[in-house]
């Protein structure tokens, strides 16, 4: 079926049309996984919400902008993929999925996240990349078990100081934002293992040598004049990462000593004698 016909069928609520674009969903799959990515869906089929023991639900690359409240029946769901859709706001039913460990929200149109996101206290991995966030939503700082935060390709200019309360956070990905300086809060998070600030507007990097758990720092494509100092064994990705010399500070050259001046020869002759030693030149 062509993409145009598939998109048209996805809009129609009748059962025959839905079966044209959806696999058989008469009963829950044995592996407890439903894969509905790339189906041009504008709405989630309600029969999916009847699979109470479902563990993974993939809805990526559709045309979804909302989800039914019945979604919250999926109280065993651990992974939900909503990336590459048309969400402008996170549906409230998502925040009721208390066993969720991984949430993909990248490549949508989100400008913020609801406070109820903090109800997802089992969340370990959150993808927010390629949205329209100008600040990190406050609710993110309440996800106490979060280990990986992906927030690249947004419009972030700073990070909140409360981020340091995420003591389980091990990797933070912030490439292609608008950070004018290295976020100070990251200097106070000693358990971070990966920091990615590629493609920002950072002009100078502080030392990261005091972060004992750090394994990788990515800082390329910044207008910086130095590389971040790190402990031995930490991988750096960016300019001067191979320990080649950083640009030297501009120092005015020392003036060259004046050439020794000729002096008349003793005895009043017309010739001249040239000093040949440093002592003579200084005389």
Protein backbone atom coordinates (compact mmCIF):
# COMPACT_ATOMS: atom_id res chain seq x y z
CA UNK A 1 0.00 0.00 0.00
CA UNK A 2 1.31 3.42 -0.95
CA UNK A 3 2.06 6.06 1.66
CA UNK A 4 -0.88 8.21 0.59
CA UNK A 5 -3.40 5.38 0.88
CA UNK A 6 -1.85 4.28 4.16
CA UNK A 7 -2.19 7.80 5.57
CA UNK A 8 -5.82 7.97 4.44
CA UNK A 9 -6.66 4.61 5.97
CA UNK A 10 -5.00 5.65 9.24
CA UNK A 11 -7.47 8.54 9.54
CA UNK A 12 -10.56 6.35 9.25
CA UNK A 13 -11.88 4.75 12.43
CA UNK A 14 -13.61 1.78 10.79
CA UNK A 15 -12.15 -1.62 11.61
CA UNK A 16 -11.37 -2.67 7.98
CA UNK A 17 -9.40 0.54 7.39
CA UNK A 18 -7.46 0.13 10.61
CA UNK A 19 -6.52 -3.43 9.68
CA UNK A 20 -5.00 -2.09 6.45
CA UNK A 21 -2.34 -0.20 8.38
CA UNK A 22 -2.04 -2.25 11.57
CA UNK A 23 -0.83 -5.76 12.24
CA UNK A 24 -3.21 -8.25 13.82
CA UNK A 25 -3.81 -7.07 17.38
CA UNK A 26 -6.54 -9.45 18.45
CA UNK A 27 -4.41 -10.59 21.36
CA UNK A 28 -1.26 -9.43 23.08
CA UNK A 29 1.97 -10.67 21.44
CA UNK A 30 3.82 -13.37 23.32
CA UNK A 31 6.89 -11.14 23.76
CA UNK A 32 4.70 -8.36 25.25
CA UNK A 33 5.95 -5.90 22.62
CA UNK A 34 3.79 -3.92 20.18
CA UNK A 35 5.57 -2.29 17.23
CA UNK A 36 3.51 0.36 15.42
CA UNK A 37 6.27 2.66 14.18
CA UNK A 38 6.05 4.27 10.75
CA UNK A 39 2.34 3.58 10.21
CA UNK A 40 1.18 7.17 9.54
CA UNK A 41 -1.06 6.88 12.60
CA UNK A 42 -2.92 9.94 13.86
CA UNK A 43 -4.48 8.10 16.78
CA UNK A 44 -3.58 5.09 18.90
CA UNK A 45 -5.90 2.08 18.38
CA UNK A 46 -7.78 1.61 21.64
CA UNK A 47 -7.41 -2.16 21.56
CA UNK A 48 -3.71 -1.70 22.33
CA UNK A 49 -4.70 -0.22 25.69
CA UNK A 50 -6.36 -3.53 26.60
CA UNK A 51 -3.00 -5.31 26.77
CA UNK A 52 -2.46 -4.73 30.48
CA UNK A 53 0.74 -6.78 30.65
CA UNK A 54 2.42 -4.97 27.72
CA UNK A 55 6.09 -4.14 28.40
CA UNK A 56 7.20 -2.19 25.30
CA UNK A 57 5.19 0.04 22.96
CA UNK A 58 6.82 1.58 19.88
CA UNK A 59 4.88 4.44 18.25
CA UNK A 60 7.79 6.24 16.59
CA UNK A 61 7.57 8.00 13.21
CA UNK A 62 3.82 8.51 13.07
CA UNK A 63 1.63 11.63 13.06
CA UNK A 64 0.40 11.46 16.63
CA UNK A 65 -0.37 14.64 18.54
CA UNK A 66 -2.40 13.13 21.38
CA UNK A 67 -3.01 9.83 23.16
CA UNK A 68 -6.18 8.44 24.73
CA UNK A 69 -6.54 8.46 28.53
CA UNK A 70 -6.96 4.68 28.33
CA UNK A 71 -3.20 4.45 27.83
CA UNK A 72 -2.72 4.59 31.59
CA UNK A 73 -4.11 1.07 31.82
CA UNK A 74 -0.69 -0.16 30.67
CA UNK A 75 0.76 -0.22 34.16
CA UNK A 76 3.45 -2.79 33.26
CA UNK A 77 4.86 -0.69 30.42
CA UNK A 78 8.63 -0.15 30.75
CA UNK A 79 9.46 1.43 27.36
CA UNK A 80 7.41 3.94 25.39
CA UNK A 81 8.68 5.38 22.10
CA UNK A 82 6.89 8.54 20.95
CA UNK A 83 9.74 10.11 18.98
CA UNK A 84 9.24 11.56 15.47
CA UNK A 85 5.63 12.55 15.98
CA UNK A 86 3.73 15.85 16.28
CA UNK A 87 3.27 16.29 20.03
CA UNK A 88 3.13 19.88 21.26
CA UNK A 89 2.38 18.75 24.82
CA UNK A 90 3.01 15.49 26.62
CA UNK A 91 -0.28 13.61 27.09
CA UNK A 92 -1.24 13.28 30.74
CA UNK A 93 -1.73 9.52 30.47
CA UNK A 94 2.03 9.08 29.93
CA UNK A 95 2.75 10.50 33.38
CA UNK A 96 0.61 7.76 34.93
CA UNK A 97 2.84 4.92 33.66
CA UNK A 98 4.70 4.44 36.92
CA UNK A 99 6.87 1.49 35.81
CA UNK A 100 8.23 3.31 32.77
CA UNK A 101 12.03 3.08 32.56
CA UNK A 102 12.71 4.48 29.07
CA UNK A 103 10.82 7.32 27.39
CA UNK A 104 11.56 8.54 23.86
CA UNK A 105 10.18 12.03 23.16
CA UNK A 106 12.72 13.28 20.62
CA UNK A 107 11.83 15.03 17.37
CA UNK A 108 8.49 16.46 18.43
CA UNK A 109 7.36 20.07 19.06
CA UNK A 110 7.57 20.17 22.83
CA UNK A 111 8.29 23.51 24.52
CA UNK A 112 7.90 22.21 28.08
CA UNK A 113 6.92 19.15 30.09
CA UNK A 114 4.20 18.91 32.74
CA UNK A 115 4.99 18.83 36.45
CA UNK A 116 3.33 15.40 36.58
CA UNK A 117 6.35 13.97 34.79
CA UNK A 118 7.88 13.65 38.26
CA UNK A 119 5.49 10.76 38.89
CA UNK A 120 7.71 8.59 36.69
CA UNK A 121 10.00 7.68 39.55
CA UNK A 122 11.36 4.56 37.80
CA UNK A 123 12.53 6.45 34.71
CA UNK A 124 16.18 5.75 33.86
CA UNK A 125 16.53 7.14 30.32
CA UNK A 126 14.84 10.23 28.89
CA UNK A 127 15.18 11.42 25.29
CA UNK A 128 14.17 15.04 24.66
CA UNK A 129 16.41 15.81 21.68
CA UNK A 130 15.22 17.89 18.72
CA UNK A 131 12.30 19.65 20.39
CA UNK A 132 11.75 23.36 21.11
CA UNK A 133 12.94 23.57 24.69
CA UNK A 134 14.46 26.90 25.73
CA UNK A 135 15.00 25.63 29.28
CA UNK A 136 15.21 22.23 30.90
CA UNK A 137 11.77 21.42 32.35
CA UNK A 138 11.75 21.59 36.15
CA UNK A 139 10.14 18.16 36.47
CA UNK A 140 13.26 16.52 35.03
CA UNK A 141 15.15 17.41 38.21
CA UNK A 142 12.72 15.27 40.22
CA UNK A 143 13.45 12.03 38.35
CA UNK A 144 15.67 10.62 41.08
CA UNK A 145 16.63 7.38 39.27
CA UNK A 146 17.48 9.02 35.94
CA UNK A 147 20.80 7.80 34.54
CA UNK A 148 20.86 9.21 30.99
CA UNK A 149 19.47 12.54 29.79
CA UNK A 150 19.42 13.34 26.07
CA UNK A 151 18.52 16.98 25.40
CA UNK A 152 20.48 17.84 22.27
CA UNK A 153 19.22 19.99 19.39
CA UNK A 154 17.08 22.32 21.46
CA UNK A 155 17.57 25.98 22.43
CA UNK A 156 18.95 25.56 25.96
CA UNK A 157 21.09 28.42 27.28
CA UNK A 158 21.61 27.16 30.84
CA UNK A 159 20.95 24.26 33.19
CA UNK A 160 19.17 24.57 36.55
CA UNK A 161 21.22 24.23 39.73
CA UNK A 162 18.76 21.61 40.94
CA UNK A 163 20.08 19.21 38.34
CA UNK A 164 22.79 18.20 40.82
CA UNK A 165 20.12 16.45 42.92
CA UNK A 166 20.07 13.71 40.26
CA UNK A 167 22.70 11.61 42.00
CA UNK A 168 22.16 8.62 39.68
CA UNK A 169 22.76 10.62 36.50
CA UNK A 170 25.74 9.22 34.60
CA UNK A 171 25.51 10.76 31.12
CA UNK A 172 24.17 14.06 29.81
CA UNK A 173 23.94 14.89 26.12
CA UNK A 174 23.57 18.59 25.27
CA UNK A 175 24.95 18.96 21.75
CA UNK A 176 23.61 21.59 19.35
CA UNK A 177 22.11 23.96 21.91
CA UNK A 178 22.90 27.61 22.70
CA UNK A 179 25.01 27.28 25.84
CA UNK A 180 27.24 30.40 26.08
CA UNK A 181 29.35 28.86 28.86
CA UNK A 182 30.02 25.47 30.37
CA UNK A 183 27.12 24.80 32.80
CA UNK A 184 28.49 25.32 36.35
CA UNK A 185 26.17 22.70 37.81
CA UNK A 186 28.02 19.95 35.92
CA UNK A 187 31.18 20.81 37.87
CA UNK A 188 29.34 19.76 41.03
CA UNK A 189 28.27 16.34 39.77
CA UNK A 190 31.22 14.05 40.53
CA UNK A 191 29.51 10.85 39.34
CA UNK A 192 29.02 11.96 35.74
CA UNK A 193 30.72 9.63 33.25
CA UNK A 194 29.80 11.27 29.93
CA UNK A 195 29.38 14.98 29.15
CA UNK A 196 28.49 16.06 25.61
CA UNK A 197 28.43 19.82 24.90
CA UNK A 198 29.31 19.60 21.21
CA UNK A 199 28.05 22.42 18.94
CA UNK A 200 27.34 25.15 21.47
CA UNK A 201 28.78 28.65 22.00
CA UNK A 202 31.28 27.90 24.78
CA UNK A 203 34.42 30.07 24.56
CA UNK A 204 36.39 28.75 27.53
CA UNK A 205 36.34 25.45 29.39
CA UNK A 206 37.03 25.00 33.10
CA UNK A 207 39.08 22.13 34.38
CA UNK A 208 37.21 18.83 34.69
CA UNK A 209 40.12 17.06 36.35
CA UNK A 210 38.29 16.95 39.69
CA UNK A 211 35.48 14.73 38.32
CA UNK A 212 36.63 11.24 39.36
CA UNK A 213 34.09 9.20 37.36
CA UNK A 214 34.40 11.07 34.05
CA UNK A 215 35.23 8.82 31.07
CA UNK A 216 34.26 10.88 28.01
CA UNK A 217 33.83 14.59 27.29
CA UNK A 218 32.73 15.83 23.85
CA UNK A 219 33.27 19.55 23.28
CA UNK A 220 33.92 19.90 19.53
CA UNK A 221 32.47 22.71 17.38
CA UNK A 222 32.62 25.40 20.07
CA UNK A 223 34.43 28.74 19.62
CA UNK A 224 36.73 27.82 22.50
CA UNK A 225 40.39 28.76 22.97
CA UNK A 226 41.28 25.86 25.23
CA UNK A 227 40.47 22.24 25.82
CA UNK A 228 39.04 21.10 29.16
CA UNK A 229 41.66 19.60 31.46
CA UNK A 230 40.80 16.04 32.48
CA UNK A 231 42.28 13.23 34.53
CA UNK A 232 44.60 10.71 32.82
CA UNK A 233 42.63 8.12 30.88
CA UNK A 234 39.62 10.33 30.15
CA UNK A 235 38.78 10.52 26.45
CA UNK A 236 38.32 13.98 24.96
CA UNK A 237 36.62 14.61 21.60
CA UNK A 238 37.33 18.04 20.18
CA UNK A 239 40.08 20.42 19.21
CA UNK A 240 43.41 19.77 20.95
CA UNK A 241 42.04 16.46 22.25
CA UNK A 242 45.28 14.77 21.14
CA UNK A 243 47.24 16.94 23.58
CA UNK A 244 48.65 19.06 20.77
CA UNK A 245 49.59 22.57 21.92
CA UNK A 246 46.74 24.96 22.53
CA UNK A 247 47.05 28.50 21.13
CA UNK A 248 49.72 30.43 22.99
CA UNK A 249 48.83 33.71 24.59
CA UNK A 250 50.05 36.69 22.60
CA UNK A 251 53.34 37.94 24.09
CA UNK A 252 55.24 40.89 22.70
CA UNK A 253 58.73 39.88 21.56
CA UNK A 254 61.66 41.08 23.66
CA UNK A 255 63.64 43.88 21.99
CA UNK A 256 66.88 42.72 20.40
CA UNK A 257 70.08 44.15 21.94
CA UNK A 258 71.49 47.06 20.03
CA UNK A 259 74.42 46.30 17.76
CA UNK A 260 77.79 47.42 19.19
CA UNK A 261 78.84 50.81 17.94
CA UNK A 262 82.31 51.29 16.41
CA UNK A 263 84.75 53.46 18.38
CA UNK A 264 87.74 55.41 17.14
CA UNK A 265 91.09 53.62 17.17
CA UNK A 266 93.56 54.63 19.83
CA UNK A 267 96.29 56.93 18.64
CA UNK A 268 93.98 59.30 16.75
CA UNK A 269 94.11 57.43 13.46
CA UNK A 270 91.27 57.51 11.05
CA UNK A 271 90.32 53.84 11.44
CA UNK A 272 87.76 52.33 13.85
CA UNK A 273 87.91 49.37 16.19
CA UNK A 274 84.86 47.10 16.74
CA UNK A 275 84.17 45.57 20.16
CA UNK A 276 84.62 41.82 19.95
CA UNK A 277 83.53 40.73 23.43
CA UNK A 278 80.41 41.24 25.55
CA UNK A 279 82.50 43.17 28.07
CA UNK A 280 83.74 45.48 25.42
CA UNK A 281 80.24 45.94 24.02
CA UNK A 282 79.01 46.88 27.48
CA UNK A 283 81.90 49.36 28.08
